[in-house]
Amino acid sequence: MPQAFGVATAPRSAKVASGALRTPWVPVRRGRVARSAKWTAAIAGLLLLAFAGGFVLFADMVARYAPAYNQRADAIVVLTGGELRLSAAAKLLKEGRGARLLISGVNRQTSTDDLKRVSGLPDRLFTCCVDIDYAAHTTSGNADQTKAWAEERRLKRLIVVTSSYHMPRSLTELRRTLPGIALVPHPVVSNKLQTDRWWTHAYTARVLFSEYVKFLPSAARYAAARLARWESSAFAGATSHASGR
């Protein structure tokens, strides 16, 4: 009687059972990938919406800034870098709105005579009441130098002069370094900037967007500094409470 030779094959029922165990994993994996993609897209959409919403709020904040015409302070600080800033700060000093003026972020190639000419201040007033900061090169540096200057003179209230679009970032950096000092914004509005209907002016929208991108890291540093101060205060309070028992 002839015999069959070759590789033994499994019964068809066993193949079906084995296939039934394997095939469901494919749609399961695809389902997980699809859900992950949906979550990623949703999170990205929310982040983009928050970014866009933040920009609109930022632009609205810039448009709402108004000069502090009737405000007085211990001193005035002007952050260089934009047109009309120094002359506006000098005018405040001449009006007696502050006893001293710090010009922060001056280029080292700019002489004292150059500053006198641009500010329009008389020699006597410039010599007695103006301090010049050559060390700062960024807005964060302006804040650090202003902190040292204000603490040395024990100032409690400052008028801050800078361009309107630069004011949110400037105040944020200054509040980070000077949490105990009152800051009075005095924005200078450039003739090129149309803040009333900024979305209809390409130049204004471009300037505001660029400044908003720079503002976000400053806001993050400010939040981190506040959190660190809160944690330090909470730890000091807990230690004091524990030692008082």
Protein backbone atom coordinates (compact mmCIF):
# COMPACT_ATOMS: atom_id res chain seq x y z
CA MET A 1 0.00 0.00 0.00
CA PRO A 2 1.54 3.31 -1.06
CA GLN A 3 2.56 5.79 1.68
CA ALA A 4 2.44 9.62 1.45
CA PHE A 5 5.75 11.41 1.95
CA GLY A 6 6.44 15.12 2.62
CA VAL A 7 5.87 17.74 5.28
CA ALA A 8 2.96 17.11 7.48
CA THR A 9 0.37 19.85 7.32
CA ALA A 10 -1.87 20.98 10.12
CA PRO A 11 -5.56 20.37 9.82
CA ARG A 12 -7.54 23.19 8.21
CA SER A 13 -9.45 23.77 11.40
CA ALA A 14 -6.17 24.42 13.25
CA LYS A 15 -5.11 26.99 10.59
CA VAL A 16 -8.40 28.78 10.91
CA ALA A 17 -8.10 28.85 14.69
CA SER A 18 -4.53 30.16 14.49
CA GLY A 19 -5.50 32.86 11.99
CA ALA A 20 -8.42 33.86 14.17
CA LEU A 21 -5.96 34.58 16.97
CA ARG A 22 -3.65 36.75 14.86
CA THR A 23 -5.73 38.92 12.56
CA PRO A 24 -7.62 41.02 15.18
CA TRP A 25 -4.32 42.68 16.27
CA VAL A 26 -4.08 44.61 13.00
CA PRO A 27 -7.27 46.70 13.42
CA VAL A 28 -6.48 47.15 17.12
CA ARG A 29 -3.10 48.69 16.30
CA ARG A 30 -4.63 50.85 13.60
CA GLY A 31 -7.30 52.04 16.01
CA ARG A 32 -4.71 53.07 18.58
CA VAL A 33 -2.70 54.98 15.98
CA ALA A 34 -5.83 56.75 14.77
CA ARG A 35 -6.81 57.75 18.32
CA SER A 36 -3.28 58.99 19.03
CA ALA A 37 -3.32 61.06 15.84
CA LYS A 38 -6.67 62.58 16.79
CA TRP A 39 -5.41 63.53 20.26
CA THR A 40 -2.24 65.03 18.78
CA ALA A 41 -4.24 67.06 16.27
CA ALA A 42 -6.64 68.23 19.00
CA ILE A 43 -3.80 69.34 21.30
CA ALA A 44 -2.02 71.09 18.43
CA GLY A 45 -5.25 72.86 17.52
CA LEU A 46 -5.79 74.03 21.10
CA LEU A 47 -2.21 75.31 21.34
CA LEU A 48 -2.57 77.16 18.05
CA LEU A 49 -5.88 78.66 19.20
CA ALA A 50 -4.31 79.75 22.51
CA PHE A 51 -1.35 81.27 20.66
CA ALA A 52 -3.61 83.19 18.27
CA GLY A 53 -5.91 84.31 21.09
CA GLY A 54 -2.94 85.47 23.12
CA PHE A 55 -1.69 87.52 20.20
CA VAL A 56 -5.04 89.28 19.83
CA LEU A 57 -5.09 90.09 23.56
CA PHE A 58 -1.49 91.31 23.34
CA ALA A 59 -2.28 93.63 20.41
CA ASP A 60 -5.35 94.95 22.25
CA MET A 61 -3.25 95.62 25.36
CA VAL A 62 -0.72 97.61 23.31
CA ALA A 63 -3.52 99.67 21.75
CA ARG A 64 -4.95 100.51 25.18
CA TYR A 65 -1.74 101.92 26.68
CA ALA A 66 -1.89 105.67 27.25
CA PRO A 67 0.77 108.12 28.47
CA ALA A 68 0.76 108.84 32.22
CA TYR A 69 0.33 112.59 31.90
CA ASN A 70 -0.60 113.30 35.53
CA GLN A 71 1.50 110.64 37.21
CA ARG A 72 4.56 111.33 39.36
CA ALA A 73 7.23 108.99 40.66
CA ASP A 74 10.55 108.91 42.46
CA ALA A 75 12.40 108.58 39.16
CA ILE A 76 12.10 107.80 35.45
CA VAL A 77 13.70 105.03 33.39
CA VAL A 78 13.79 105.06 29.60
CA LEU A 79 14.68 101.96 27.59
CA THR A 80 16.55 102.97 24.47
CA GLY A 81 16.01 101.45 21.05
CA GLY A 82 13.11 103.33 19.49
CA GLU A 83 12.49 106.79 18.15
CA LEU A 84 11.19 109.54 20.45
CA ARG A 85 11.76 107.53 23.65
CA LEU A 86 14.56 109.67 25.05
CA SER A 87 12.95 113.01 24.22
CA ALA A 88 9.70 111.86 25.89
CA ALA A 89 11.57 110.82 29.05
CA ALA A 90 13.54 114.08 29.09
CA LYS A 91 10.29 116.04 28.89
CA LEU A 92 9.01 114.20 31.98
CA LEU A 93 12.22 115.04 33.84
CA LYS A 94 11.96 118.72 32.89
CA GLU A 95 8.38 118.74 34.15
CA GLY A 96 9.53 117.42 37.51
CA ARG A 97 7.59 114.17 37.19
CA GLY A 98 10.62 112.33 38.59
CA ALA A 99 13.78 113.42 40.40
CA ARG A 100 16.22 111.37 38.29
CA LEU A 101 16.36 109.74 34.87
CA LEU A 102 18.09 106.49 33.94
CA ILE A 103 18.86 106.01 30.25
CA SER A 104 19.23 102.24 29.99
CA GLY A 105 20.83 100.34 27.13
CA VAL A 106 22.91 103.10 25.57
CA ASN A 107 25.26 102.09 22.76
CA ARG A 108 28.89 102.52 23.85
CA GLN A 109 29.59 104.51 20.70
CA THR A 110 27.01 107.11 21.76
CA SER A 111 28.63 109.99 23.58
CA THR A 112 27.24 112.11 26.39
CA ASP A 113 27.01 115.05 23.99
CA ASP A 114 24.91 112.91 21.64
CA LEU A 115 22.51 112.10 24.48
CA LYS A 116 22.29 115.75 25.50
CA ARG A 117 21.49 116.76 21.94
CA VAL A 118 18.80 114.10 21.42
CA SER A 119 17.21 114.65 24.84
CA GLY A 120 17.18 118.42 24.58
CA LEU A 121 18.04 118.72 28.28
CA PRO A 122 20.10 121.69 29.50
CA ASP A 123 23.62 120.89 30.73
CA ARG A 124 22.78 121.62 34.36
CA LEU A 125 19.81 119.27 34.49
CA PHE A 126 21.58 116.55 32.51
CA THR A 127 24.66 116.68 34.75
CA CYS A 128 22.79 116.61 38.04
CA CYS A 129 19.97 114.22 37.34
CA VAL A 130 20.73 111.80 34.47
CA ASP A 131 22.37 108.37 34.85
CA ILE A 132 23.57 106.38 31.83
CA ASP A 133 23.58 102.58 31.56
CA TYR A 134 25.92 101.19 28.91
CA ALA A 135 25.82 97.59 30.16
CA ALA A 136 22.33 96.45 29.06
CA HIS A 137 21.96 94.98 25.58
CA THR A 138 18.53 93.33 25.92
CA THR A 139 15.24 94.07 27.65
CA SER A 140 16.15 91.54 30.31
CA GLY A 141 19.45 93.38 30.75
CA ASN A 142 17.55 96.67 31.06
CA ALA A 143 15.57 95.15 33.92
CA ASP A 144 18.69 93.92 35.71
CA GLN A 145 20.45 97.27 35.43
CA THR A 146 17.32 99.15 36.51
CA LYS A 147 17.06 96.88 39.55
CA ALA A 148 20.61 97.74 40.66
CA TRP A 149 20.01 101.46 40.04
CA ALA A 150 16.66 101.54 41.86
CA GLU A 151 17.84 99.52 44.84
CA GLU A 152 20.93 101.71 45.27
CA ARG A 153 18.68 104.79 45.48
CA ARG A 154 15.88 103.04 47.42
CA LEU A 155 13.26 104.01 44.87
CA LYS A 156 9.66 102.91 45.36
CA ARG A 157 7.94 104.19 42.23
CA LEU A 158 9.19 104.44 38.64
CA ILE A 159 7.81 105.87 35.42
CA VAL A 160 8.78 103.52 32.56
CA VAL A 161 9.25 105.08 29.13
CA THR A 162 9.49 102.93 26.00
CA SER A 163 7.60 102.30 22.77
CA SER A 164 4.00 101.16 23.17
CA TYR A 165 4.60 97.81 21.45
CA HIS A 166 7.63 97.22 23.71
CA MET A 167 5.81 98.13 26.95
CA PRO A 168 4.30 94.70 27.83
CA ARG A 169 7.67 92.96 27.63
CA SER A 170 9.43 95.80 29.46
CA LEU A 171 6.95 95.83 32.34
CA THR A 172 7.06 92.04 32.59
CA GLU A 173 10.86 91.98 32.86
CA LEU A 174 10.89 94.88 35.33
CA ARG A 175 8.23 93.26 37.50
CA ARG A 176 10.34 90.13 37.56
CA THR A 177 13.37 91.97 38.93
CA LEU A 178 11.54 94.68 40.92
CA PRO A 179 8.50 93.04 42.52
CA GLY A 180 8.32 95.63 45.31
CA ILE A 181 8.39 98.76 43.13
CA ALA A 182 5.35 100.42 41.55
CA LEU A 183 5.73 100.85 37.79
CA VAL A 184 3.90 103.56 35.84
CA PRO A 185 3.89 102.96 32.05
CA HIS A 186 4.45 105.94 29.77
CA PRO A 187 4.26 104.54 26.22
CA VAL A 188 5.66 106.35 23.20
CA VAL A 189 3.68 105.72 20.03
CA SER A 190 5.58 105.78 16.76
CA ASN A 191 4.00 107.60 13.84
CA LYS A 192 4.51 104.45 11.77
CA LEU A 193 2.42 102.31 14.12
CA GLN A 194 -1.36 102.22 13.65
CA THR A 195 -2.67 100.47 16.75
CA ASP A 196 -6.36 101.38 16.39
CA ARG A 197 -6.95 98.97 13.49
CA TRP A 198 -3.67 97.10 13.55
CA TRP A 199 -4.95 94.15 11.53
CA THR A 200 -5.43 96.39 8.49
CA HIS A 201 -1.81 97.61 8.51
CA ALA A 202 0.83 95.10 7.43
CA TYR A 203 3.72 96.96 9.10
CA THR A 204 1.90 97.27 12.44
CA ALA A 205 0.77 93.65 12.41
CA ARG A 206 4.32 92.50 11.65
CA VAL A 207 5.82 94.58 14.48
CA LEU A 208 3.20 93.42 16.97
CA PHE A 209 3.61 89.76 16.04
CA SER A 210 7.40 89.94 16.29
CA GLU A 211 7.14 91.58 19.70
CA TYR A 212 4.54 89.04 20.87
CA VAL A 213 6.92 86.18 20.07
CA LYS A 214 9.61 87.93 22.16
CA PHE A 215 7.12 88.63 24.95
CA LEU A 216 6.27 84.97 25.55
CA PRO A 217 9.71 83.97 27.00
CA SER A 218 9.62 87.07 29.22
CA ALA A 219 6.20 86.03 30.51
CA ALA A 220 7.53 82.53 31.20
CA ARG A 221 10.51 83.93 33.15
CA TYR A 222 8.18 86.18 35.13
CA ALA A 223 5.89 83.25 35.99
CA ALA A 224 8.87 81.14 37.05
CA ALA A 225 10.20 83.97 39.25
CA ARG A 226 6.81 84.40 40.93
CA LEU A 227 6.56 80.68 41.56
CA ALA A 228 10.06 80.63 43.05
CA ARG A 229 9.22 83.56 45.35
CA TRP A 230 5.98 81.88 46.40
CA GLU A 231 7.75 78.62 47.18
CA SER A 232 10.45 80.47 49.13
CA SER A 233 7.82 82.38 51.10
CA ALA A 234 5.84 79.22 51.80
CA PHE A 235 8.97 77.39 52.97
CA ALA A 236 9.98 80.29 55.22
CA GLY A 237 6.48 80.40 56.69
CA ALA A 238 6.46 76.67 57.34
CA THR A 239 9.91 76.84 58.97
CA SER A 240 8.88 79.74 61.16
CA HIS A 241 5.69 77.95 62.19
CA ALA A 242 7.62 74.78 63.02
CA SER A 243 10.23 76.63 65.11
CA GLY A 244 7.49 78.44 67.03
CA ARG A 245 5.97 75.24 68.36
